Each structure stands twice: as structure tokens, then as C-alpha cells.
Protein backbone atom coordinates (compact mmCIF):
# COMPACT_ATOMS: atom_id res chain seq x y z
CA MET A 1 -66.10 12.28 2.68
CA ALA A 2 -64.07 15.39 3.22
CA VAL A 3 -60.77 15.98 1.47
CA ARG A 4 -58.02 16.76 3.92
CA ASN A 5 -55.41 19.34 3.22
CA ASN A 6 -51.90 17.93 3.24
CA PRO A 7 -49.75 20.20 5.45
CA PHE A 8 -46.61 19.11 3.59
CA LYS A 9 -47.95 20.01 0.14
CA PRO A 10 -46.01 23.31 -0.10
CA PHE A 11 -42.79 21.54 0.84
CA THR A 12 -43.27 18.66 -1.58
CA LYS A 13 -43.83 21.08 -4.46
CA LYS A 14 -40.35 22.54 -3.87
CA ILE A 15 -38.65 19.13 -4.18
CA PRO A 16 -37.41 18.41 -7.73
CA GLU A 17 -39.14 15.56 -9.56
CA PRO A 18 -36.21 13.05 -9.60
CA PHE A 19 -36.02 13.17 -5.80
CA LYS A 20 -39.69 12.16 -5.55
CA ASN A 21 -39.10 9.00 -7.59
CA LYS A 22 -39.05 5.94 -5.30
CA TYR A 23 -36.59 4.09 -7.55
CA PHE A 24 -34.15 6.98 -7.49
CA LEU A 25 -34.40 7.20 -3.69
CA THR A 26 -33.89 3.44 -3.33
CA LEU A 27 -30.86 3.52 -5.61
CA THR A 28 -29.40 6.50 -3.73
CA VAL A 29 -29.79 4.80 -0.36
CA PHE A 30 -28.28 1.57 -1.74
CA VAL A 31 -25.25 3.38 -3.18
CA ALA A 32 -24.74 5.32 0.06
CA LEU A 33 -24.82 2.08 2.03
CA MET A 34 -22.32 0.42 -0.30
CA VAL A 35 -19.93 3.36 -0.42
CA PHE A 36 -19.89 4.53 3.18
CA ILE A 37 -21.40 1.99 5.57
CA ASP A 38 -20.72 -1.45 4.07
CA LYS A 39 -18.01 -3.77 5.40
CA HIS A 40 -16.08 -3.31 2.14
CA ASP A 41 -16.51 0.45 1.78
CA ILE A 42 -14.24 2.73 -0.22
CA LEU A 43 -12.01 3.70 2.73
CA THR A 44 -11.38 0.06 3.62
CA GLN A 45 -10.60 -0.79 -0.01
CA TRP A 46 -8.15 2.13 -0.21
CA GLN A 47 -6.38 1.01 2.98
CA LEU A 48 -6.17 -2.56 1.73
CA GLN A 49 -4.69 -1.34 -1.57
CA GLN A 50 -2.07 0.70 0.31
CA THR A 51 -1.15 -2.36 2.38
CA LEU A 52 -0.92 -4.48 -0.77
CA ASN A 53 1.38 -1.93 -2.44
CA LYS A 54 3.63 -1.87 0.64
CA LEU A 55 3.80 -5.67 0.74
CA GLU A 56 4.69 -5.82 -2.95
CA GLU A 57 7.51 -3.31 -2.38
CA ASP A 58 8.76 -5.42 0.53
CA LYS A 59 8.59 -8.52 -1.65
CA LEU A 60 10.81 -6.89 -4.30
CA TYR A 61 13.22 -5.67 -1.63
CA TYR A 62 13.60 -9.15 -0.11
CA LYS A 63 13.94 -10.79 -3.53
CA ASN A 64 16.86 -8.44 -4.24
CA LYS A 65 18.38 -9.24 -0.85
CA ILE A 66 18.09 -12.95 -1.59
CA LYS A 67 19.85 -12.44 -4.93
CA GLU A 68 22.64 -10.53 -3.17
CA ALA A 69 22.99 -13.25 -0.54
CA HIS A 70 23.12 -15.90 -3.25
CA GLN A 71 25.83 -13.93 -5.09
CA ASP A 72 27.80 -13.57 -1.84
CA ARG A 73 27.50 -17.32 -1.32
CA VAL A 74 28.88 -17.95 -4.81
CA ASP A 75 31.72 -15.49 -4.12
CA ILE A 76 32.57 -17.25 -0.87
CA HIS A 77 32.80 -20.60 -2.59
CA ASN A 78 34.93 -19.19 -5.42
CA ASN A 79 37.43 -17.18 -3.39
CA ILE A 80 36.96 -17.24 0.38
CA GLU A 81 40.10 -15.24 1.18
CA LYS A 82 39.15 -12.31 -1.11
CA PHE A 83 35.62 -12.26 0.30
CA ALA A 84 36.88 -12.21 3.91
CA ARG A 85 39.30 -9.39 3.18
CA GLU A 86 36.75 -7.21 1.35
CA LYS A 87 33.67 -7.77 3.50
CA TYR A 88 35.09 -8.26 6.98
CA PHE A 89 38.49 -6.54 6.64
CA LEU A 90 40.38 -9.60 7.81
CA GLN A 91 44.16 -9.69 7.55
CA LYS A 92 47.04 -12.05 7.92
CA SER A 93 49.08 -11.89 11.11
CA ASN A 94 52.17 -10.36 9.47
CA GLU A 95 50.50 -7.60 7.40
CA ASP A 96 48.87 -4.21 7.93
CA VAL A 97 45.65 -3.23 6.17
CA PHE A 98 44.78 0.36 5.35
CA ILE A 99 41.18 1.18 4.50
CA MET A 100 40.74 4.03 2.05
CA VAL A 101 37.33 5.71 2.29
CA ASP A 102 35.99 7.82 -0.56
CA PRO A 103 34.62 11.07 0.97
CA ASN A 104 32.07 11.45 -1.87
CA GLN A 105 30.58 8.02 -1.30
CA GLU A 106 28.42 7.25 1.73
């Protein structure tokens, strides 16, 4: 039986030892699949986290708006005339209302 020369022998000698290990190669392929190709890859997880952060900000914003609306409701029940004058600039038929605007405040 004749021993054949492997034409890839010079190339395989140049490859470092860890890259020849089948367990290392399997682990590398598995990690690459999980990180880049999987349904739940890193990019998808990052986008989902960004969406979650935005929704949490919106939740805080709307909670504050609900608190303001509740406070306005309490103000209306306590003094409806004051609320109407301050919020909607309503006036009685025999009076004039002047609105003073602070130029420093937007």
C-alpha cells in the first residue's frame, strides 16, 4: 500500500493548533450562529431594548399627565370659576381681562 502525499499538508502546518481542534471549531461556529444568525441575535436584542426604554419613558410621561389631569379635576371641583379664568381665560360680561405675558418664559 502506497502512502499518498497530502497536497494540503503545507497549508495545514501554517494553521495554529487551536484552530485545528474540532471542539474549538464547533464552539466558534455555535457562537457565530447565536450572535449573528439566530432569531434572537445581538442586533435584535439591542433594538428590543431600545423599544423597551422608549416605552418606559412614554409610560412615565403618561403617568405624569394623568397626575396633572387628576389635579386639574380636583381644582375644578374646588373652585370652578378660578379654574375657568386661569386655564381658558373666561370673563364675566361686564369686565375686561388683560393677559400679561412674561417675555422670559415660553
